């Protein structure tokens, strides 16, 4: 499981999203995170 939230600009919205996430056993998926960031950055600048 690897998920991305919408882009948000308010702290309370992000906190609400994070509070719905619970840690679950599993392996790392760092490569998927990097692939996702590449896709986002090619669509529009990621700083």
ModelCIF file with pLDDT and N, C-alpha, C, O atoms, coordinates in Angstrom:
data_MODEL
#
_entry.id   MODEL 
#
_entity.id                         1 
_entity.type                       polymer 
_entity.pdbx_number_of_molecules   1 
#
_entity_poly.entity_id                      1 
_entity_poly.type                           'polypeptide(L)' 
_entity_poly.nstd_linkage                   no 
_entity_poly.nstd_monomer                   no 
_entity_poly.pdbx_seq_one_letter_code       
;(UNK)(UNK)(UNK)(UNK)(UNK)(UNK)(UNK)(UNK)(UNK)(UNK)(UNK)(UNK)(UNK)(UNK)(UNK)(UNK)
(UNK)(UNK)(UNK)(UNK)(UNK)(UNK)(UNK)(UNK)(UNK)(UNK)(UNK)(UNK)(UNK)(UNK)(UNK)(UNK)
(UNK)(UNK)(UNK)(UNK)(UNK)(UNK)(UNK)(UNK)(UNK)(UNK)(UNK)(UNK)(UNK)(UNK)(UNK)
;
_entity_poly.pdbx_seq_one_letter_code_can   XXXXXXXXXXXXXXXXXXXXXXXXXXXXXXXXXXXXXXXXXXXXXXX 
_entity_poly.pdbx_strand_id                 A 
#
loop_
_entity_poly_seq.entity_id 
_entity_poly_seq.num 
_entity_poly_seq.mon_id 
_entity_poly_seq.hetero 
1 1  UNK n 
1 2  UNK n 
1 3  UNK n 
1 4  UNK n 
1 5  UNK n 
1 6  UNK n 
1 7  UNK n 
1 8  UNK n 
1 9  UNK n 
1 10 UNK n 
1 11 UNK n 
1 12 UNK n 
1 13 UNK n 
1 14 UNK n 
1 15 UNK n 
1 16 UNK n 
1 17 UNK n 
1 18 UNK n 
1 19 UNK n 
1 20 UNK n 
1 21 UNK n 
1 22 UNK n 
1 23 UNK n 
1 24 UNK n 
1 25 UNK n 
1 26 UNK n 
1 27 UNK n 
1 28 UNK n 
1 29 UNK n 
1 30 UNK n 
1 31 UNK n 
1 32 UNK n 
1 33 UNK n 
1 34 UNK n 
1 35 UNK n 
1 36 UNK n 
1 37 UNK n 
1 38 UNK n 
1 39 UNK n 
1 40 UNK n 
1 41 UNK n 
1 42 UNK n 
1 43 UNK n 
1 44 UNK n 
1 45 UNK n 
1 46 UNK n 
1 47 UNK n 
#
_struct_asym.id          A 
_struct_asym.entity_id   1 
#
loop_
_ma_qa_metric.id 
_ma_qa_metric.mode 
_ma_qa_metric.name 
_ma_qa_metric.software_group_id 
_ma_qa_metric.type 
1 global pLDDT . pLDDT 
2 local  pLDDT . pLDDT 
#
_ma_qa_metric_global.metric_id      1 
_ma_qa_metric_global.metric_value   87.00 
_ma_qa_metric_global.model_id       1 
_ma_qa_metric_global.ordinal_id     1 
#
loop_
_ma_qa_metric_local.label_asym_id 
_ma_qa_metric_local.label_comp_id 
_ma_qa_metric_local.label_seq_id 
_ma_qa_metric_local.metric_id 
_ma_qa_metric_local.metric_value 
_ma_qa_metric_local.model_id 
_ma_qa_metric_local.ordinal_id 
A UNK 1  2 88.00 1 1  
A UNK 2  2 91.00 1 2  
A UNK 3  2 90.00 1 3  
A UNK 4  2 92.00 1 4  
A UNK 5  2 89.00 1 5  
A UNK 6  2 90.00 1 6  
A UNK 7  2 91.00 1 7  
A UNK 8  2 86.00 1 8  
A UNK 9  2 80.00 1 9  
A UNK 10 2 75.00 1 10 
A UNK 11 2 69.00 1 11 
A UNK 12 2 73.00 1 12 
A UNK 13 2 78.00 1 13 
A UNK 14 2 73.00 1 14 
A UNK 15 2 73.00 1 15 
A UNK 16 2 78.00 1 16 
A UNK 17 2 77.00 1 17 
A UNK 18 2 74.00 1 18 
A UNK 19 2 75.00 1 19 
A UNK 20 2 76.00 1 20 
A UNK 21 2 79.00 1 21 
A UNK 22 2 78.00 1 22 
A UNK 23 2 80.00 1 23 
A UNK 24 2 83.00 1 24 
A UNK 25 2 84.00 1 25 
A UNK 26 2 82.00 1 26 
A UNK 27 2 90.00 1 27 
A UNK 28 2 91.00 1 28 
A UNK 29 2 94.00 1 29 
A UNK 30 2 96.00 1 30 
A UNK 31 2 96.00 1 31 
A UNK 32 2 96.00 1 32 
A UNK 33 2 97.00 1 33 
A UNK 34 2 97.00 1 34 
A UNK 35 2 97.00 1 35 
A UNK 36 2 97.00 1 36 
A UNK 37 2 97.00 1 37 
A UNK 38 2 96.00 1 38 
A UNK 39 2 96.00 1 39 
A UNK 40 2 96.00 1 40 
A UNK 41 2 95.00 1 41 
A UNK 42 2 94.00 1 42 
A UNK 43 2 93.00 1 43 
A UNK 44 2 92.00 1 44 
A UNK 45 2 92.00 1 45 
A UNK 46 2 93.00 1 46 
A UNK 47 2 90.00 1 47 
#
loop_
_atom_site.group_PDB 
_atom_site.id 
_atom_site.type_symbol 
_atom_site.label_atom_id 
_atom_site.label_alt_id 
_atom_site.label_comp_id 
_atom_site.label_asym_id 
_atom_site.label_entity_id 
_atom_site.label_seq_id 
_atom_site.pdbx_PDB_ins_code 
_atom_site.Cartn_x 
_atom_site.Cartn_y 
_atom_site.Cartn_z 
_atom_site.occupancy 
_atom_site.B_iso_or_equiv 
_atom_site.pdbx_formal_charge 
_atom_site.auth_seq_id 
_atom_site.auth_comp_id 
_atom_site.auth_asym_id 
_atom_site.auth_atom_id 
_atom_site.pdbx_PDB_model_num 
ATOM 1   N N  . UNK A 1 1  ? 0.841  -1.197 0.000   1.00 88.00 ? 1  UNK A N  1 
ATOM 2   C CA . UNK A 1 1  ? 0.000  0.000  0.000   1.00 88.00 ? 1  UNK A CA 1 
ATOM 3   C C  . UNK A 1 1  ? 0.876  1.248  0.000   1.00 88.00 ? 1  UNK A C  1 
ATOM 4   O O  . UNK A 1 1  ? 1.721  1.424  0.878   1.00 88.00 ? 1  UNK A O  1 
ATOM 5   N N  . UNK A 1 2  ? 0.668  2.106  -0.987  1.00 91.00 ? 2  UNK A N  1 
ATOM 6   C CA . UNK A 1 2  ? 1.419  3.364  -1.089  1.00 91.00 ? 2  UNK A CA 1 
ATOM 7   C C  . UNK A 1 2  ? 0.454  4.421  -1.605  1.00 91.00 ? 2  UNK A C  1 
ATOM 8   O O  . UNK A 1 2  ? -0.068 4.299  -2.713  1.00 91.00 ? 2  UNK A O  1 
ATOM 9   N N  . UNK A 1 3  ? 0.216  5.451  -0.811  1.00 90.00 ? 3  UNK A N  1 
ATOM 10  C CA . UNK A 1 3  ? -0.807 6.426  -1.160  1.00 90.00 ? 3  UNK A CA 1 
ATOM 11  C C  . UNK A 1 3  ? -0.294 7.857  -1.109  1.00 90.00 ? 3  UNK A C  1 
ATOM 12  O O  . UNK A 1 3  ? 0.650  8.176  -0.387  1.00 90.00 ? 3  UNK A O  1 
ATOM 13  N N  . UNK A 1 4  ? -0.941 8.705  -1.895  1.00 92.00 ? 4  UNK A N  1 
ATOM 14  C CA . UNK A 1 4  ? -0.648 10.133 -1.896  1.00 92.00 ? 4  UNK A CA 1 
ATOM 15  C C  . UNK A 1 4  ? -1.940 10.888 -1.633  1.00 92.00 ? 4  UNK A C  1 
ATOM 16  O O  . UNK A 1 4  ? -2.978 10.580 -2.218  1.00 92.00 ? 4  UNK A O  1 
ATOM 17  N N  . UNK A 1 5  ? -1.871 11.871 -0.757  1.00 89.00 ? 5  UNK A N  1 
ATOM 18  C CA . UNK A 1 5  ? -3.029 12.714 -0.486  1.00 89.00 ? 5  UNK A CA 1 
ATOM 19  C C  . UNK A 1 5  ? -3.158 13.752 -1.597  1.00 89.00 ? 5  UNK A C  1 
ATOM 20  O O  . UNK A 1 5  ? -2.269 13.879 -2.439  1.00 89.00 ? 5  UNK A O  1 
ATOM 21  N N  . UNK A 1 6  ? -4.262 14.490 -1.600  1.00 90.00 ? 6  UNK A N  1 
ATOM 22  C CA . UNK A 1 6  ? -4.324 15.661 -2.481  1.00 90.00 ? 6  UNK A CA 1 
ATOM 23  C C  . UNK A 1 6  ? -3.282 16.684 -2.016  1.00 90.00 ? 6  UNK A C  1 
ATOM 24  O O  . UNK A 1 6  ? -2.765 16.576 -0.904  1.00 90.00 ? 6  UNK A O  1 
ATOM 25  N N  . UNK A 1 7  ? -2.976 17.655 -2.845  1.00 91.00 ? 7  UNK A N  1 
ATOM 26  C CA . UNK A 1 7  ? -2.133 18.779 -2.414  1.00 91.00 ? 7  UNK A CA 1 
ATOM 27  C C  . UNK A 1 7  ? -2.994 19.664 -1.520  1.00 91.00 ? 7  UNK A C  1 
ATOM 28  O O  . UNK A 1 7  ? -4.108 20.036 -1.887  1.00 91.00 ? 7  UNK A O  1 
ATOM 29  N N  . UNK A 1 8  ? -2.466 19.998 -0.341  1.00 86.00 ? 8  UNK A N  1 
ATOM 30  C CA . UNK A 1 8  ? -3.226 20.814 0.602   1.00 86.00 ? 8  UNK A CA 1 
ATOM 31  C C  . UNK A 1 8  ? -2.379 21.987 1.082   1.00 86.00 ? 8  UNK A C  1 
ATOM 32  O O  . UNK A 1 8  ? -1.150 21.946 1.030   1.00 86.00 ? 8  UNK A O  1 
ATOM 33  N N  . UNK A 1 9  ? -3.055 23.030 1.550   1.00 80.00 ? 9  UNK A N  1 
ATOM 34  C CA . UNK A 1 9  ? -2.348 24.232 1.985   1.00 80.00 ? 9  UNK A CA 1 
ATOM 35  C C  . UNK A 1 9  ? -2.725 24.648 3.402   1.00 80.00 ? 9  UNK A C  1 
ATOM 36  O O  . UNK A 1 9  ? -2.298 25.706 3.865   1.00 80.00 ? 9  UNK A O  1 
ATOM 37  N N  . UNK A 1 10 ? -3.516 23.836 4.098   1.00 75.00 ? 10 UNK A N  1 
ATOM 38  C CA . UNK A 1 10 ? -3.935 24.172 5.457   1.00 75.00 ? 10 UNK A CA 1 
ATOM 39  C C  . UNK A 1 10 ? -3.545 23.055 6.422   1.00 75.00 ? 10 UNK A C  1 
ATOM 40  O O  . UNK A 1 10 ? -3.745 21.872 6.146   1.00 75.00 ? 10 UNK A O  1 
ATOM 41  N N  . UNK A 1 11 ? -2.981 23.464 7.563   1.00 69.00 ? 11 UNK A N  1 
ATOM 42  C CA . UNK A 1 11 ? -2.496 22.494 8.540   1.00 69.00 ? 11 UNK A CA 1 
ATOM 43  C C  . UNK A 1 11 ? -3.597 21.582 9.048   1.00 69.00 ? 11 UNK A C  1 
ATOM 44  O O  . UNK A 1 11 ? -3.379 20.382 9.214   1.00 69.00 ? 11 UNK A O  1 
ATOM 45  N N  . UNK A 1 12 ? -4.788 22.139 9.299   1.00 73.00 ? 12 UNK A N  1 
ATOM 46  C CA . UNK A 1 12 ? -5.847 21.309 9.875   1.00 73.00 ? 12 UNK A CA 1 
ATOM 47  C C  . UNK A 1 12 ? -6.315 20.236 8.903   1.00 73.00 ? 12 UNK A C  1 
ATOM 48  O O  . UNK A 1 12 ? -6.720 19.150 9.319   1.00 73.00 ? 12 UNK A O  1 
ATOM 49  N N  . UNK A 1 13 ? -6.262 20.539 7.598   1.00 78.00 ? 13 UNK A N  1 
ATOM 50  C CA . UNK A 1 13 ? -6.643 19.539 6.603   1.00 78.00 ? 13 UNK A CA 1 
ATOM 51  C C  . UNK A 1 13 ? -5.628 18.398 6.594   1.00 78.00 ? 13 UNK A C  1 
ATOM 52  O O  . UNK A 1 13 ? -6.003 17.226 6.584   1.00 78.00 ? 13 UNK A O  1 
ATOM 53  N N  . UNK A 1 14 ? -4.337 18.750 6.597   1.00 73.00 ? 14 UNK A N  1 
ATOM 54  C CA . UNK A 1 14 ? -3.306 17.716 6.594   1.00 73.00 ? 14 UNK A CA 1 
ATOM 55  C C  . UNK A 1 14 ? -3.362 16.866 7.855   1.00 73.00 ? 14 UNK A C  1 
ATOM 56  O O  . UNK A 1 14 ? -3.200 15.648 7.794   1.00 73.00 ? 14 UNK A O  1 
ATOM 57  N N  . UNK A 1 15 ? -3.590 17.504 8.992   1.00 73.00 ? 15 UNK A N  1 
ATOM 58  C CA . UNK A 1 15 ? -3.692 16.743 10.237  1.00 73.00 ? 15 UNK A CA 1 
ATOM 59  C C  . UNK A 1 15 ? -4.869 15.781 10.199  1.00 73.00 ? 15 UNK A C  1 
ATOM 60  O O  . UNK A 1 15 ? -4.773 14.652 10.678  1.00 73.00 ? 15 UNK A O  1 
ATOM 61  N N  . UNK A 1 16 ? -5.965 16.228 9.633   1.00 78.00 ? 16 UNK A N  1 
ATOM 62  C CA . UNK A 1 16 ? -7.134 15.350 9.519   1.00 78.00 ? 16 UNK A CA 1 
ATOM 63  C C  . UNK A 1 16 ? -6.811 14.130 8.655   1.00 78.00 ? 16 UNK A C  1 
ATOM 64  O O  . UNK A 1 16 ? -7.239 13.015 8.952   1.00 78.00 ? 16 UNK A O  1 
ATOM 65  N N  . UNK A 1 17 ? -6.055 14.356 7.590   1.00 77.00 ? 17 UNK A N  1 
ATOM 66  C CA . UNK A 1 17 ? -5.655 13.242 6.733   1.00 77.00 ? 17 UNK A CA 1 
ATOM 67  C C  . UNK A 1 17 ? -4.729 12.280 7.478   1.00 77.00 ? 17 UNK A C  1 
ATOM 68  O O  . UNK A 1 17 ? -4.899 11.063 7.411   1.00 77.00 ? 17 UNK A O  1 
ATOM 69  N N  . UNK A 1 18 ? -3.749 12.841 8.187   1.00 74.00 ? 18 UNK A N  1 
ATOM 70  C CA . UNK A 1 18 ? -2.777 11.999 8.886   1.00 74.00 ? 18 UNK A CA 1 
ATOM 71  C C  . UNK A 1 18 ? -3.414 11.187 10.003  1.00 74.00 ? 18 UNK A C  1 
ATOM 72  O O  . UNK A 1 18 ? -2.998 10.061 10.275  1.00 74.00 ? 18 UNK A O  1 
ATOM 73  N N  . UNK A 1 19 ? -4.418 11.758 10.645  1.00 75.00 ? 19 UNK A N  1 
ATOM 74  C CA . UNK A 1 19 ? -5.053 11.051 11.760  1.00 75.00 ? 19 UNK A CA 1 
ATOM 75  C C  . UNK A 1 19 ? -5.820 9.820  11.304  1.00 75.00 ? 19 UNK A C  1 
ATOM 76  O O  . UNK A 1 19 ? -6.163 8.958  12.113  1.00 75.00 ? 19 UNK A O  1 
ATOM 77  N N  . UNK A 1 20 ? -6.083 9.741  10.025  1.00 76.00 ? 20 UNK A N  1 
ATOM 78  C CA . UNK A 1 20 ? -6.770 8.575  9.490   1.00 76.00 ? 20 UNK A CA 1 
ATOM 79  C C  . UNK A 1 20 ? -5.795 7.452  9.116   1.00 76.00 ? 20 UNK A C  1 
ATOM 80  O O  . UNK A 1 20 ? -6.211 6.360  8.729   1.00 76.00 ? 20 UNK A O  1 
ATOM 81  N N  . UNK A 1 21 ? -4.502 7.736  9.237   1.00 79.00 ? 21 UNK A N  1 
ATOM 82  C CA . UNK A 1 21 ? -3.479 6.758  8.861   1.00 79.00 ? 21 UNK A CA 1 
ATOM 83  C C  . UNK A 1 21 ? -2.958 6.055  10.106  1.00 79.00 ? 21 UNK A C  1 
ATOM 84  O O  . UNK A 1 21 ? -2.596 6.709  11.084  1.00 79.00 ? 21 UNK A O  1 
ATOM 85  N N  . UNK A 1 22 ? -2.919 4.744  10.075  1.00 78.00 ? 22 UNK A N  1 
ATOM 86  C CA . UNK A 1 22 ? -2.337 3.951  11.153  1.00 78.00 ? 22 UNK A CA 1 
ATOM 87  C C  . UNK A 1 22 ? -1.156 3.168  10.601  1.00 78.00 ? 22 UNK A C  1 
ATOM 88  O O  . UNK A 1 22 ? -1.190 2.695  9.465   1.00 78.00 ? 22 UNK A O  1 
ATOM 89  N N  . UNK A 1 23 ? -0.128 3.038  11.400  1.00 80.00 ? 23 UNK A N  1 
ATOM 90  C CA . UNK A 1 23 ? 1.045  2.279  10.961  1.00 80.00 ? 23 UNK A CA 1 
ATOM 91  C C  . UNK A 1 23 ? 0.701  0.790  10.893  1.00 80.00 ? 23 UNK A C  1 
ATOM 92  O O  . UNK A 1 23 ? 0.056  0.247  11.790  1.00 80.00 ? 23 UNK A O  1 
ATOM 93  N N  . UNK A 1 24 ? 1.140  0.145  9.817   1.00 83.00 ? 24 UNK A N  1 
ATOM 94  C CA . UNK A 1 24 ? 0.856  -1.268 9.576   1.00 83.00 ? 24 UNK A CA 1 
ATOM 95  C C  . UNK A 1 24 ? 2.151  -1.948 9.125   1.00 83.00 ? 24 UNK A C  1 
ATOM 96  O O  . UNK A 1 24 ? 2.925  -1.376 8.358   1.00 83.00 ? 24 UNK A O  1 
ATOM 97  N N  . UNK A 1 25 ? 2.376  -3.157 9.601   1.00 84.00 ? 25 UNK A N  1 
ATOM 98  C CA . UNK A 1 25 ? 3.582  -3.887 9.242   1.00 84.00 ? 25 UNK A CA 1 
ATOM 99  C C  . UNK A 1 25 ? 3.723  -4.078 7.739   1.00 84.00 ? 25 UNK A C  1 
ATOM 100 O O  . UNK A 1 25 ? 2.731  -4.261 7.034   1.00 84.00 ? 25 UNK A O  1 
ATOM 101 N N  . UNK A 1 26 ? 4.936  -4.037 7.262   1.00 82.00 ? 26 UNK A N  1 
ATOM 102 C CA . UNK A 1 26 ? 5.196  -4.206 5.836   1.00 82.00 ? 26 UNK A CA 1 
ATOM 103 C C  . UNK A 1 26 ? 6.610  -3.775 5.502   1.00 82.00 ? 26 UNK A C  1 
ATOM 104 O O  . UNK A 1 26 ? 7.365  -3.344 6.374   1.00 82.00 ? 26 UNK A O  1 
ATOM 105 N N  . UNK A 1 27 ? 6.963  -3.898 4.227   1.00 90.00 ? 27 UNK A N  1 
ATOM 106 C CA . UNK A 1 27 ? 8.301  -3.528 3.772   1.00 90.00 ? 27 UNK A CA 1 
ATOM 107 C C  . UNK A 1 27 ? 8.321  -2.095 3.245   1.00 90.00 ? 27 UNK A C  1 
ATOM 108 O O  . UNK A 1 27 ? 7.281  -1.532 2.901   1.00 90.00 ? 27 UNK A O  1 
ATOM 109 N N  . UNK A 1 28 ? 9.516  -1.516 3.188   1.00 91.00 ? 28 UNK A N  1 
ATOM 110 C CA . UNK A 1 28 ? 9.650  -0.159 2.664   1.00 91.00 ? 28 UNK A CA 1 
ATOM 111 C C  . UNK A 1 28 ? 9.330  -0.123 1.163   1.00 91.00 ? 28 UNK A C  1 
ATOM 112 O O  . UNK A 1 28 ? 9.477  -1.117 0.452   1.00 91.00 ? 28 UNK A O  1 
ATOM 113 N N  . UNK A 1 29 ? 8.889  1.050  0.710   1.00 94.00 ? 29 UNK A N  1 
ATOM 114 C CA . UNK A 1 29 ? 8.547  1.264  -0.702  1.00 94.00 ? 29 UNK A CA 1 
ATOM 115 C C  . UNK A 1 29 ? 9.077  2.629  -1.149  1.00 94.00 ? 29 UNK A C  1 
ATOM 116 O O  . UNK A 1 29 ? 8.363  3.427  -1.757  1.00 94.00 ? 29 UNK A O  1 
ATOM 117 N N  . UNK A 1 30 ? 10.330 2.868  -0.834  1.00 96.00 ? 30 UNK A N  1 
ATOM 118 C CA . UNK A 1 30 ? 10.934 4.168  -1.129  1.00 96.00 ? 30 UNK A CA 1 
ATOM 119 C C  . UNK A 1 30 ? 11.015 4.416  -2.634  1.00 96.00 ? 30 UNK A C  1 
ATOM 120 O O  . UNK A 1 30 ? 10.805 5.542  -3.085  1.00 96.00 ? 30 UNK A O  1 
ATOM 121 N N  . UNK A 1 31 ? 11.313 3.391  -3.405  1.00 96.00 ? 31 UNK A N  1 
ATOM 122 C CA . UNK A 1 31 ? 11.407 3.586  -4.847  1.00 96.00 ? 31 UNK A CA 1 
ATOM 123 C C  . UNK A 1 31 ? 10.078 4.083  -5.418  1.00 96.00 ? 31 UNK A C  1 
ATOM 124 O O  . UNK A 1 31 ? 10.067 4.926  -6.315  1.00 96.00 ? 31 UNK A O  1 
ATOM 125 N N  . UNK A 1 32 ? 8.964  3.567  -4.906  1.00 96.00 ? 32 UNK A N  1 
ATOM 126 C CA . UNK A 1 32 ? 7.660  4.026  -5.380  1.00 96.00 ? 32 UNK A CA 1 
ATOM 127 C C  . UNK A 1 32 ? 7.431  5.500  -5.028  1.00 96.00 ? 32 UNK A C  1 
ATOM 128 O O  . UNK A 1 32 ? 6.838  6.245  -5.808  1.00 96.00 ? 32 UNK A O  1 
ATOM 129 N N  . UNK A 1 33 ? 7.902  5.909  -3.861  1.00 97.00 ? 33 UNK A N  1 
ATOM 130 C CA . UNK A 1 33 ? 7.785  7.310  -3.462  1.00 97.00 ? 33 UNK A CA 1 
ATOM 131 C C  . UNK A 1 33 ? 8.545  8.195  -4.445  1.00 97.00 ? 33 UNK A C  1 
ATOM 132 O O  . UNK A 1 33 ? 8.045  9.242  -4.857  1.00 97.00 ? 33 UNK A O  1 
ATOM 133 N N  . UNK A 1 34 ? 9.750  7.777  -4.818  1.00 97.00 ? 34 UNK A N  1 
ATOM 134 C CA . UNK A 1 34 ? 10.560 8.570  -5.745  1.00 97.00 ? 34 UNK A CA 1 
ATOM 135 C C  . UNK A 1 34 ? 9.932  8.611  -7.131  1.00 97.00 ? 34 UNK A C  1 
ATOM 136 O O  . UNK A 1 34 ? 9.937  9.653  -7.786  1.00 97.00 ? 34 UNK A O  1 
ATOM 137 N N  . UNK A 1 35 ? 9.390  7.481  -7.582  1.00 97.00 ? 35 UNK A N  1 
ATOM 138 C CA . UNK A 1 35 ? 8.705  7.455  -8.879  1.00 97.00 ? 35 UNK A CA 1 
ATOM 139 C C  . UNK A 1 35 ? 7.517  8.406  -8.880  1.00 97.00 ? 35 UNK A C  1 
ATOM 140 O O  . UNK A 1 35 ? 7.288  9.133  -9.847  1.00 97.00 ? 35 UNK A O  1 
ATOM 141 N N  . UNK A 1 36 ? 6.771  8.391  -7.790  1.00 97.00 ? 36 UNK A N  1 
ATOM 142 C CA . UNK A 1 36 ? 5.611  9.277  -7.680  1.00 97.00 ? 36 UNK A CA 1 
ATOM 143 C C  . UNK A 1 36 ? 6.038  10.742 -7.724  1.00 97.00 ? 36 UNK A C  1 
ATOM 144 O O  . UNK A 1 36 ? 5.413  11.556 -8.404  1.00 97.00 ? 36 UNK A O  1 
ATOM 145 N N  . UNK A 1 37 ? 7.097  11.071 -7.003  1.00 97.00 ? 37 UNK A N  1 
ATOM 146 C CA . UNK A 1 37 ? 7.574  12.455 -6.980  1.00 97.00 ? 37 UNK A CA 1 
ATOM 147 C C  . UNK A 1 37 ? 8.056  12.881 -8.356  1.00 97.00 ? 37 UNK A C  1 
ATOM 148 O O  . UNK A 1 37 ? 7.844  14.023 -8.765  1.00 97.00 ? 37 UNK A O  1 
ATOM 149 N N  . UNK A 1 38 ? 8.699  11.976 -9.067  1.00 96.00 ? 38 UNK A N  1 
ATOM 150 C CA . UNK A 1 38 ? 9.110  12.270 -10.447 1.00 96.00 ? 38 UNK A CA 1 
ATOM 151 C C  . UNK A 1 38 ? 7.904  12.615 -11.314 1.00 96.00 ? 38 UNK A C  1 
ATOM 152 O O  . UNK A 1 38 ? 7.932  13.583 -12.074 1.00 96.00 ? 38 UNK A O  1 
ATOM 153 N N  . UNK A 1 39 ? 6.852  11.823 -11.194 1.00 96.00 ? 39 UNK A N  1 
ATOM 154 C CA . UNK A 1 39 ? 5.652  12.074 -11.994 1.00 96.00 ? 39 UNK A CA 1 
ATOM 155 C C  . UNK A 1 39 ? 5.038  13.429 -11.648 1.00 96.00 ? 39 UNK A C  1 
ATOM 156 O O  . UNK A 1 39 ? 4.625  14.173 -12.538 1.00 96.00 ? 39 UNK A O  1 
ATOM 157 N N  . UNK A 1 40 ? 4.979  13.744 -10.363 1.00 96.00 ? 40 UNK A N  1 
ATOM 158 C CA . UNK A 1 40 ? 4.432  15.032 -9.943  1.00 96.00 ? 40 UNK A CA 1 
ATOM 159 C C  . UNK A 1 40 ? 5.301  16.180 -10.446 1.00 96.00 ? 40 UNK A C  1 
ATOM 160 O O  . UNK A 1 40 ? 4.790  17.198 -10.912 1.00 96.00 ? 40 UNK A O  1 
ATOM 161 N N  . UNK A 1 41 ? 6.624  16.005 -10.347 1.00 95.00 ? 41 UNK A N  1 
ATOM 162 C CA . UNK A 1 41 ? 7.539  17.060 -10.749 1.00 95.00 ? 41 UNK A CA 1 
ATOM 163 C C  . UNK A 1 41 ? 7.548  17.312 -12.245 1.00 95.00 ? 41 UNK A C  1 
ATOM 164 O O  . UNK A 1 41 ? 7.781  18.438 -12.685 1.00 95.00 ? 41 UNK A O  1 
ATOM 165 N N  . UNK A 1 42 ? 7.298  16.277 -13.029 1.00 94.00 ? 42 UNK A N  1 
ATOM 166 C CA . UNK A 1 42 ? 7.247  16.461 -14.478 1.00 94.00 ? 42 UNK A CA 1 
ATOM 167 C C  . UNK A 1 42 ? 5.966  17.153 -14.911 1.00 94.00 ? 42 UNK A C  1 
ATOM 168 O O  . UNK A 1 42 ? 5.912  17.801 -15.957 1.00 94.00 ? 42 UNK A O  1 
ATOM 169 N N  . UNK A 1 43 ? 4.930  17.004 -14.085 1.00 93.00 ? 43 UNK A N  1 
ATOM 170 C CA . UNK A 1 43 ? 3.655  17.648 -14.392 1.00 93.00 ? 43 UNK A CA 1 
ATOM 171 C C  . UNK A 1 43 ? 3.681  19.122 -14.004 1.00 93.00 ? 43 UNK A C  1 
ATOM 172 O O  . UNK A 1 43 ? 3.185  19.982 -14.732 1.00 93.00 ? 43 UNK A O  1 
ATOM 173 N N  . UNK A 1 44 ? 4.279  19.398 -12.826 1.00 92.00 ? 44 UNK A N  1 
ATOM 174 C CA . UNK A 1 44 ? 4.375  20.768 -12.319 1.00 92.00 ? 44 UNK A CA 1 
ATOM 175 C C  . UNK A 1 44 ? 5.488  20.807 -11.284 1.00 92.00 ? 44 UNK A C  1 
ATOM 176 O O  . UNK A 1 44 ? 5.678  19.845 -10.541 1.00 92.00 ? 44 UNK A O  1 
ATOM 177 N N  . UNK A 1 45 ? 6.215  21.899 -11.232 1.00 92.00 ? 45 UNK A N  1 
ATOM 178 C CA . UNK A 1 45 ? 7.405  22.014 -10.398 1.00 92.00 ? 45 UNK A CA 1 
ATOM 179 C C  . UNK A 1 45 ? 7.180  21.569 -8.957  1.00 92.00 ? 45 UNK A C  1 
ATOM 180 O O  . UNK A 1 45 ? 6.233  22.008 -8.305  1.00 92.00 ? 45 UNK A O  1 
ATOM 181 N N  . UNK A 1 46 ? 8.060  20.691 -8.462  1.00 93.00 ? 46 UNK A N  1 
ATOM 182 C CA . UNK A 1 46 ? 8.119  20.315 -7.052  1.00 93.00 ? 46 UNK A CA 1 
ATOM 183 C C  . UNK A 1 46 ? 9.420  20.883 -6.506  1.00 93.00 ? 46 UNK A C  1 
ATOM 184 O O  . UNK A 1 46 ? 10.488 20.620 -7.057  1.00 93.00 ? 46 UNK A O  1 
ATOM 185 N N  . UNK A 1 47 ? 9.343  21.657 -5.434  1.00 90.00 ? 47 UNK A N  1 
ATOM 186 C CA . UNK A 1 47 ? 10.517 22.351 -4.920  1.00 90.00 ? 47 UNK A CA 1 
ATOM 187 C C  . UNK A 1 47 ? 11.405 21.492 -4.037  1.00 90.00 ? 47 UNK A C  1 
ATOM 188 O O  . UNK A 1 47 ? 12.428 21.966 -3.543  1.00 90.00 ? 47 UNK A O  1 
#
